[in-house]
Amino acid sequence: MPTIARLPKSQIRIFGKEHPPPHFHIRANDGSKAAVTIMTLRVLAGEIPQPALSEALQWAEANRLLLMRLWKENNP
């Protein structure tokens, strides 16, 4: 799936054919990556700079329903 959101410090993505739990990926502008659960907003894997993580988590909290809908559409 294409990028869902382009933020000043990061991008938010959801991929198809993924493993549970429902999660999204953050790619920071420096190329670092992290996977984060949609429901708890906890980092599952990876590590990115704190400013990029904070920005992405703030966006994700405000858009949790969209993230879950897109997860379900791409991971039936």
PDB file of N, CA and C in Angstrom:
ATOM      1  N   MET A   1       0.856  -1.180   0.000  1.00  0.00           N
ATOM      2  CA  MET A   1       0.000   0.000   0.000  1.00  0.00           C
ATOM      3  C   MET A   1       0.897   1.235   0.000  1.00  0.00           C
ATOM      4  N   PRO A   2       0.446   2.242  -0.679  1.00  0.00           N
ATOM      5  CA  PRO A   2       1.228   3.482  -0.674  1.00  0.00           C
ATOM      6  C   PRO A   2       1.245   4.123   0.715  1.00  0.00           C
ATOM      7  N   THR A   3       2.054   5.103   0.828  1.00  0.00           N
ATOM      8  CA  THR A   3       2.157   5.848   2.083  1.00  0.00           C
ATOM      9  C   THR A   3       0.804   6.449   2.431  1.00  0.00           C
ATOM     10  N   ILE A   4       0.404   6.317   3.679  1.00  0.00           N
ATOM     11  CA  ILE A   4      -0.878   6.843   4.151  1.00  0.00           C
ATOM     12  C   ILE A   4      -0.754   8.316   4.504  1.00  0.00           C
ATOM     13  N   ALA A   5       0.349   8.674   5.150  1.00  0.00           N
ATOM     14  CA  ALA A   5       0.534  10.069   5.581  1.00  0.00           C
ATOM     15  C   ALA A   5       2.005  10.447   5.439  1.00  0.00           C
ATOM     16  N   ARG A   6       2.225  11.643   4.940  1.00  0.00           N
ATOM     17  CA  ARG A   6       3.572  12.219   4.879  1.00  0.00           C
ATOM     18  C   ARG A   6       3.613  13.362   5.889  1.00  0.00           C
ATOM     19  N   LEU A   7       4.391  13.169   6.915  1.00  0.00           N
ATOM     20  CA  LEU A   7       4.532  14.153   7.976  1.00  0.00           C
ATOM     21  C   LEU A   7       5.882  14.854   7.822  1.00  0.00           C
ATOM     22  N   PRO A   8       6.104  15.956   8.505  1.00  0.00           N
ATOM     23  CA  PRO A   8       7.387  16.662   8.354  1.00  0.00           C
ATOM     24  C   PRO A   8       8.620  15.809   8.672  1.00  0.00           C
ATOM     25  N   LYS A   9       8.518  14.900   9.648  1.00  0.00           N
ATOM     26  CA  LYS A   9       9.680  14.117  10.063  1.00  0.00           C
ATOM     27  C   LYS A   9       9.590  12.637   9.704  1.00  0.00           C
ATOM     28  N   SER A  10       8.442  12.194   9.142  1.00  0.00           N
ATOM     29  CA  SER A  10       8.250  10.757   8.916  1.00  0.00           C
ATOM     30  C   SER A  10       7.124  10.488   7.921  1.00  0.00           C
ATOM     31  N   GLN A  11       6.979   9.207   7.597  1.00  0.00           N
ATOM     32  CA  GLN A  11       5.882   8.724   6.765  1.00  0.00           C
ATOM     33  C   GLN A  11       5.228   7.547   7.483  1.00  0.00           C
ATOM     34  N   ILE A  12       3.916   7.406   7.285  1.00  0.00           N
ATOM     35  CA  ILE A  12       3.145   6.308   7.870  1.00  0.00           C
ATOM     36  C   ILE A  12       2.717   5.388   6.733  1.00  0.00           C
ATOM     37  N   ARG A  13       2.914   4.079   6.918  1.00  0.00           N
ATOM     38  CA  ARG A  13       2.559   3.095   5.890  1.00  0.00           C
ATOM     39  C   ARG A  13       1.892   1.882   6.516  1.00  0.00           C
ATOM     40  N   ILE A  14       1.035   1.227   5.716  1.00  0.00           N
ATOM     41  CA  ILE A  14       0.472  -0.078   6.088  1.00  0.00           C
ATOM     42  C   ILE A  14       0.675  -0.993   4.892  1.00  0.00           C
ATOM     43  N   PHE A  15       1.156  -2.193   5.154  1.00  0.00           N
ATOM     44  CA  PHE A  15       1.414  -3.169   4.095  1.00  0.00           C
ATOM     45  C   PHE A  15       0.381  -4.287   4.141  1.00  0.00           C
ATOM     46  N   GLY A  16       0.178  -4.958   3.030  1.00  0.00           N
ATOM     47  CA  GLY A  16      -0.703  -6.116   2.961  1.00  0.00           C
ATOM     48  C   GLY A  16       0.065  -7.385   3.303  1.00  0.00           C
ATOM     49  N   LYS A  17      -0.689  -8.445   3.559  1.00  0.00           N
ATOM     50  CA  LYS A  17      -0.125  -9.763   3.870  1.00  0.00           C
ATOM     51  C   LYS A  17       0.829  -9.684   5.057  1.00  0.00           C
ATOM     52  N   GLU A  18       0.419  -8.973   6.094  1.00  0.00           N
ATOM     53  CA  GLU A  18       1.230  -8.793   7.294  1.00  0.00           C
ATOM     54  C   GLU A  18       0.779  -9.729   8.408  1.00  0.00           C
ATOM     55  N   HIS A  19       1.603  -9.860   9.394  1.00  0.00           N
ATOM     56  CA  HIS A  19       1.339 -10.678  10.582  1.00  0.00           C
ATOM     57  C   HIS A  19       0.591  -9.851  11.621  1.00  0.00           C
ATOM     58  N   PRO A  20      -0.207 -10.513  12.485  1.00  0.00           N
ATOM     59  CA  PRO A  20      -0.817  -9.793  13.603  1.00  0.00           C
ATOM     60  C   PRO A  20       0.256  -9.431  14.627  1.00  0.00           C
ATOM     61  N   PRO A  21      -0.019  -8.539  15.525  1.00  0.00           N
ATOM     62  CA  PRO A  21      -1.239  -7.744  15.669  1.00  0.00           C
ATOM     63  C   PRO A  21      -1.287  -6.641  14.612  1.00  0.00           C
ATOM     64  N   PRO A  22      -2.481  -6.070  14.427  1.00  0.00           N
ATOM     65  CA  PRO A  22      -2.597  -4.953  13.481  1.00  0.00           C
ATOM     66  C   PRO A  22      -1.587  -3.855  13.829  1.00  0.00           C
ATOM     67  N   HIS A  23      -0.828  -3.437  12.826  1.00  0.00           N
ATOM     68  CA  HIS A  23       0.214  -2.453  13.064  1.00  0.00           C
ATOM     69  C   HIS A  23       0.470  -1.613  11.815  1.00  0.00           C
ATOM     70  N   PHE A  24       1.223  -0.555  11.998  1.00  0.00           N
ATOM     71  CA  PHE A  24       1.629   0.299  10.888  1.00  0.00           C
ATOM     72  C   PHE A  24       3.133   0.513  10.983  1.00  0.00           C
ATOM     73  N   HIS A  25       3.690   1.017   9.913  1.00  0.00           N
ATOM     74  CA  HIS A  25       5.127   1.247   9.855  1.00  0.00           C
ATOM     75  C   HIS A  25       5.402   2.742   9.774  1.00  0.00           C
ATOM     76  N   ILE A  26       6.440   3.147  10.467  1.00  0.00           N
ATOM     77  CA  ILE A  26       6.908   4.530  10.417  1.00  0.00           C
ATOM     78  C   ILE A  26       8.281   4.505   9.758  1.00  0.00           C
ATOM     79  N   ARG A  27       8.472   5.384   8.806  1.00  0.00           N
ATOM     80  CA  ARG A  27       9.806   5.580   8.231  1.00  0.00           C
ATOM     81  C   ARG A  27      10.200   7.029   8.471  1.00  0.00           C
ATOM     82  N   ALA A  28      11.232   7.213   9.260  1.00  0.00           N
ATOM     83  CA  ALA A  28      11.716   8.556   9.557  1.00  0.00           C
ATOM     84  C   ALA A  28      12.490   9.090   8.358  1.00  0.00           C
ATOM     85  N   ASN A  29      12.635  10.390   8.283  1.00  0.00           N
ATOM     86  CA  ASN A  29      13.341  11.006   7.162  1.00  0.00           C
ATOM     87  C   ASN A  29      14.803  10.562   7.057  1.00  0.00           C
ATOM     88  N   ASP A  30      15.391  10.098   8.152  1.00  0.00           N
ATOM     89  CA  ASP A  30      16.775   9.621   8.102  1.00  0.00           C
ATOM     90  C   ASP A  30      16.877   8.180   7.617  1.00  0.00           C
ATOM     91  N   GLY A  31      15.726   7.551   7.289  1.00  0.00           N
ATOM     92  CA  GLY A  31      15.708   6.184   6.780  1.00  0.00           C
ATOM     93  C   GLY A  31      15.459   5.127   7.834  1.00  0.00           C
ATOM     94  N   SER A  32      15.478   5.485   9.109  1.00  0.00           N
ATOM     95  CA  SER A  32      15.202   4.509  10.161  1.00  0.00           C
ATOM     96  C   SER A  32      13.722   4.147  10.143  1.00  0.00           C
ATOM     97  N   LYS A  33      13.410   2.958  10.687  1.00  0.00           N
ATOM     98  CA  LYS A  33      12.043   2.427  10.620  1.00  0.00           C
ATOM     99  C   LYS A  33      11.614   1.850  11.953  1.00  0.00           C
ATOM    100  N   ALA A  34      10.289   1.813  12.146  1.00  0.00           N
ATOM    101  CA  ALA A  34       9.705   1.163  13.320  1.00  0.00           C
ATOM    102  C   ALA A  34       8.314   0.664  12.954  1.00  0.00           C
ATOM    103  N   ALA A  35       7.892  -0.413  13.593  1.00  0.00           N
ATOM    104  CA  ALA A  35       6.534  -0.933  13.471  1.00  0.00           C
ATOM    105  C   ALA A  35       5.832  -0.684  14.799  1.00  0.00           C
ATOM    106  N   VAL A  36       4.572  -0.218  14.734  1.00  0.00           N
ATOM    107  CA  VAL A  36       3.830   0.186  15.926  1.00  0.00           C
ATOM    108  C   VAL A  36       2.432  -0.424  15.888  1.00  0.00           C
ATOM    109  N   THR A  37       1.965  -0.971  17.018  1.00  0.00           N
ATOM    110  CA  THR A  37       0.613  -1.521  17.072  1.00  0.00           C
ATOM    111  C   THR A  37      -0.407  -0.393  16.972  1.00  0.00           C
ATOM    112  N   ILE A  38      -1.508  -0.685  16.318  1.00  0.00           N
ATOM    113  CA  ILE A  38      -2.550   0.326  16.154  1.00  0.00           C
ATOM    114  C   ILE A  38      -3.302   0.545  17.465  1.00  0.00           C
ATOM    115  N   MET A  39      -3.619  -0.516  18.159  1.00  0.00           N
ATOM    116  CA  MET A  39      -4.450  -0.382  19.355  1.00  0.00           C
ATOM    117  C   MET A  39      -3.713   0.264  20.530  1.00  0.00           C
ATOM    118  N   THR A  40      -2.475  -0.110  20.763  1.00  0.00           N
ATOM    119  CA  THR A  40      -1.764   0.388  21.945  1.00  0.00           C
ATOM    120  C   THR A  40      -0.724   1.453  21.620  1.00  0.00           C
ATOM    121  N   LEU A  41      -0.394   1.609  20.346  1.00  0.00           N
ATOM    122  CA  LEU A  41       0.646   2.539  19.887  1.00  0.00           C
ATOM    123  C   LEU A  41       2.001   2.232  20.535  1.00  0.00           C
ATOM    124  N   ARG A  42       2.257   0.947  20.760  1.00  0.00           N
ATOM    125  CA  ARG A  42       3.554   0.508  21.284  1.00  0.00           C
ATOM    126  C   ARG A  42       4.440   0.080  20.132  1.00  0.00           C
ATOM    127  N   VAL A  43       5.711   0.374  20.233  1.00  0.00           N
ATOM    128  CA  VAL A  43       6.669  -0.021  19.204  1.00  0.00           C
ATOM    129  C   VAL A  43       6.892  -1.535  19.287  1.00  0.00           C
ATOM    130  N   LEU A  44       6.663  -2.222  18.168  1.00  0.00           N
ATOM    131  CA  LEU A  44       6.879  -3.673  18.087  1.00  0.00           C
ATOM    132  C   LEU A  44       8.318  -3.991  17.697  1.00  0.00           C
ATOM    133  N   ALA A  45       8.847  -3.214  16.776  1.00  0.00           N
ATOM    134  CA  ALA A  45      10.186  -3.485  16.253  1.00  0.00           C
ATOM    135  C   ALA A  45      10.760  -2.197  15.685  1.00  0.00           C
ATOM    136  N   GLY A  46      12.064  -2.139  15.659  1.00  0.00           N
ATOM    137  CA  GLY A  46      12.735  -1.001  15.060  1.00  0.00           C
ATOM    138  C   GLY A  46      12.955   0.125  16.044  1.00  0.00           C
ATOM    139  N   GLU A  47      13.609   1.158  15.523  1.00  0.00           N
ATOM    140  CA  GLU A  47      13.929   2.306  16.363  1.00  0.00           C
ATOM    141  C   GLU A  47      14.106   3.519  15.461  1.00  0.00           C
ATOM    142  N   ILE A  48      13.456   4.604  15.826  1.00  0.00           N
ATOM    143  CA  ILE A  48      13.581   5.849  15.078  1.00  0.00           C
ATOM    144  C   ILE A  48      13.803   6.998  16.059  1.00  0.00           C
ATOM    145  N   PRO A  49      14.291   8.126  15.586  1.00  0.00           N
ATOM    146  CA  PRO A  49      14.513   9.263  16.480  1.00  0.00           C
ATOM    147  C   PRO A  49      13.227   9.689  17.188  1.00  0.00           C
ATOM    148  N   GLN A  50      13.362  10.093  18.429  1.00  0.00           N
ATOM    149  CA  GLN A  50      12.202  10.463  19.252  1.00  0.00           C
ATOM    150  C   GLN A  50      11.317  11.530  18.610  1.00  0.00           C
ATOM    151  N   PRO A  51      11.860  12.578  17.998  1.00  0.00           N
ATOM    152  CA  PRO A  51      10.957  13.570  17.380  1.00  0.00           C
ATOM    153  C   PRO A  51      10.067  12.966  16.287  1.00  0.00           C
ATOM    154  N   ALA A  52      10.623  12.084  15.470  1.00  0.00           N
ATOM    155  CA  ALA A  52       9.832  11.436  14.418  1.00  0.00           C
ATOM    156  C   ALA A  52       8.804  10.487  15.025  1.00  0.00           C
ATOM    157  N   LEU A  53       9.199   9.754  16.057  1.00  0.00           N
ATOM    158  CA  LEU A  53       8.268   8.838  16.720  1.00  0.00           C
ATOM    159  C   LEU A  53       7.120   9.608  17.354  1.00  0.00           C
ATOM    160  N   SER A  54       7.422  10.660  18.065  1.00  0.00           N
ATOM    161  CA  SER A  54       6.375  11.460  18.722  1.00  0.00           C
ATOM    162  C   SER A  54       5.391  12.024  17.706  1.00  0.00           C
ATOM    163  N   GLU A  55       5.919  12.545  16.610  1.00  0.00           N
ATOM    164  CA  GLU A  55       5.064  13.093  15.552  1.00  0.00           C
ATOM    165  C   GLU A  55       4.145  12.016  14.987  1.00  0.00           C
ATOM    166  N   ALA A  56       4.699  10.847  14.683  1.00  0.00           N
ATOM    167  CA  ALA A  56       3.917   9.763  14.097  1.00  0.00           C
ATOM    168  C   ALA A  56       2.874   9.228  15.080  1.00  0.00           C
ATOM    169  N   LEU A  57       3.240   9.092  16.337  1.00  0.00           N
ATOM    170  CA  LEU A  57       2.281   8.598  17.329  1.00  0.00           C
ATOM    171  C   LEU A  57       1.146   9.586  17.560  1.00  0.00           C
ATOM    172  N   GLN A  58       1.445  10.853  17.533  1.00  0.00           N
ATOM    173  CA  GLN A  58       0.389  11.864  17.676  1.00  0.00           C
ATOM    174  C   GLN A  58      -0.585  11.765  16.497  1.00  0.00           C
ATOM    175  N   TRP A  59      -0.046  11.629  15.291  1.00  0.00           N
ATOM    176  CA  TRP A  59      -0.893  11.479  14.108  1.00  0.00           C
ATOM    177  C   TRP A  59      -1.717  10.192  14.223  1.00  0.00           C
ATOM    178  N   ALA A  60      -1.071   9.095  14.618  1.00  0.00           N
ATOM    179  CA  ALA A  60      -1.749   7.797  14.710  1.00  0.00           C
ATOM    180  C   ALA A  60      -2.871   7.816  15.739  1.00  0.00           C
ATOM    181  N   GLU A  61      -2.652   8.467  16.854  1.00  0.00           N
ATOM    182  CA  GLU A  61      -3.696   8.545  17.880  1.00  0.00           C
ATOM    183  C   GLU A  61      -4.939   9.248  17.331  1.00  0.00           C
ATOM    184  N   ALA A  62      -4.750  10.282  16.556  1.00  0.00           N
ATOM    185  CA  ALA A  62      -5.867  11.028  15.977  1.00  0.00           C
ATOM    186  C   ALA A  62      -6.512  10.296  14.803  1.00  0.00           C
ATOM    187  N   ASN A  63      -5.818   9.294  14.245  1.00  0.00           N
ATOM    188  CA  ASN A  63      -6.302   8.601  13.045  1.00  0.00           C
ATOM    189  C   ASN A  63      -6.380   7.089  13.232  1.00  0.00           C
ATOM    190  N   ARG A  64      -6.582   6.660  14.456  1.00  0.00           N
ATOM    191  CA  ARG A  64      -6.592   5.225  14.769  1.00  0.00           C
ATOM    192  C   ARG A  64      -7.664   4.471  13.990  1.00  0.00           C
ATOM    193  N   LEU A  65      -8.860   5.043  13.844  1.00  0.00           N
ATOM    194  CA  LEU A  65      -9.925   4.361  13.103  1.00  0.00           C
ATOM    195  C   LEU A  65      -9.544   4.174  11.637  1.00  0.00           C
ATOM    196  N   LEU A  66      -8.936   5.174  11.040  1.00  0.00           N
ATOM    197  CA  LEU A  66      -8.468   5.054   9.659  1.00  0.00           C
ATOM    198  C   LEU A  66      -7.415   3.961   9.551  1.00  0.00           C
ATOM    199  N   LEU A  67      -6.469   3.936  10.455  1.00  0.00           N
ATOM    200  CA  LEU A  67      -5.427   2.914  10.428  1.00  0.00           C
ATOM    201  C   LEU A  67      -6.025   1.512  10.534  1.00  0.00           C
ATOM    202  N   MET A  68      -6.985   1.329  11.435  1.00  0.00           N
ATOM    203  CA  MET A  68      -7.592   0.003  11.594  1.00  0.00           C
ATOM    204  C   MET A  68      -8.376  -0.393  10.343  1.00  0.00           C
ATOM    205  N   ARG A  69      -9.083   0.548   9.762  1.00  0.00           N
ATOM    206  CA  ARG A  69      -9.840   0.254   8.536  1.00  0.00           C
ATOM    207  C   ARG A  69      -8.884  -0.161   7.415  1.00  0.00           C
ATOM    208  N   LEU A  70      -7.811   0.574   7.237  1.00  0.00           N
ATOM    209  CA  LEU A  70      -6.852   0.242   6.188  1.00  0.00           C
ATOM    210  C   LEU A  70      -6.144  -1.077   6.459  1.00  0.00           C
ATOM    211  N   TRP A  71      -5.862  -1.367   7.734  1.00  0.00           N
ATOM    212  CA  TRP A  71      -5.268  -2.666   8.083  1.00  0.00           C
ATOM    213  C   TRP A  71      -6.203  -3.797   7.648  1.00  0.00           C
ATOM    214  N   LYS A  72      -7.485  -3.677   8.001  1.00  0.00           N
ATOM    215  CA  LYS A  72      -8.453  -4.728   7.676  1.00  0.00           C
ATOM    216  C   LYS A  72      -8.631  -4.889   6.170  1.00  0.00           C
ATOM    217  N   GLU A  73      -8.634  -3.774   5.443  1.00  0.00           N
ATOM    218  CA  GLU A  73      -8.766  -3.839   3.981  1.00  0.00           C
ATOM    219  C   GLU A  73      -7.574  -4.550   3.330  1.00  0.00           C
ATOM    220  N   ASN A  74      -6.384  -4.354   3.872  1.00  0.00           N
ATOM    221  CA  ASN A  74      -5.179  -4.908   3.271  1.00  0.00           C
ATOM    222  C   ASN A  74      -4.721  -6.223   3.878  1.00  0.00           C
ATOM    223  N   ASN A  75      -5.360  -6.616   4.975  1.00  0.00           N
ATOM    224  CA  ASN A  75      -5.010  -7.877   5.664  1.00  0.00           C
ATOM    225  C   ASN A  75      -6.278  -8.604   6.080  1.00  0.00           C
ATOM    226  N   PRO A  76      -7.045  -9.083   5.087  1.00  0.00           N
ATOM    227  CA  PRO A  76      -8.343  -9.733   5.413  1.00  0.00           C
ATOM    228  C   PRO A  76      -8.187 -11.016   6.195  1.00  0.00           C
TER     229      PRO A  76
END
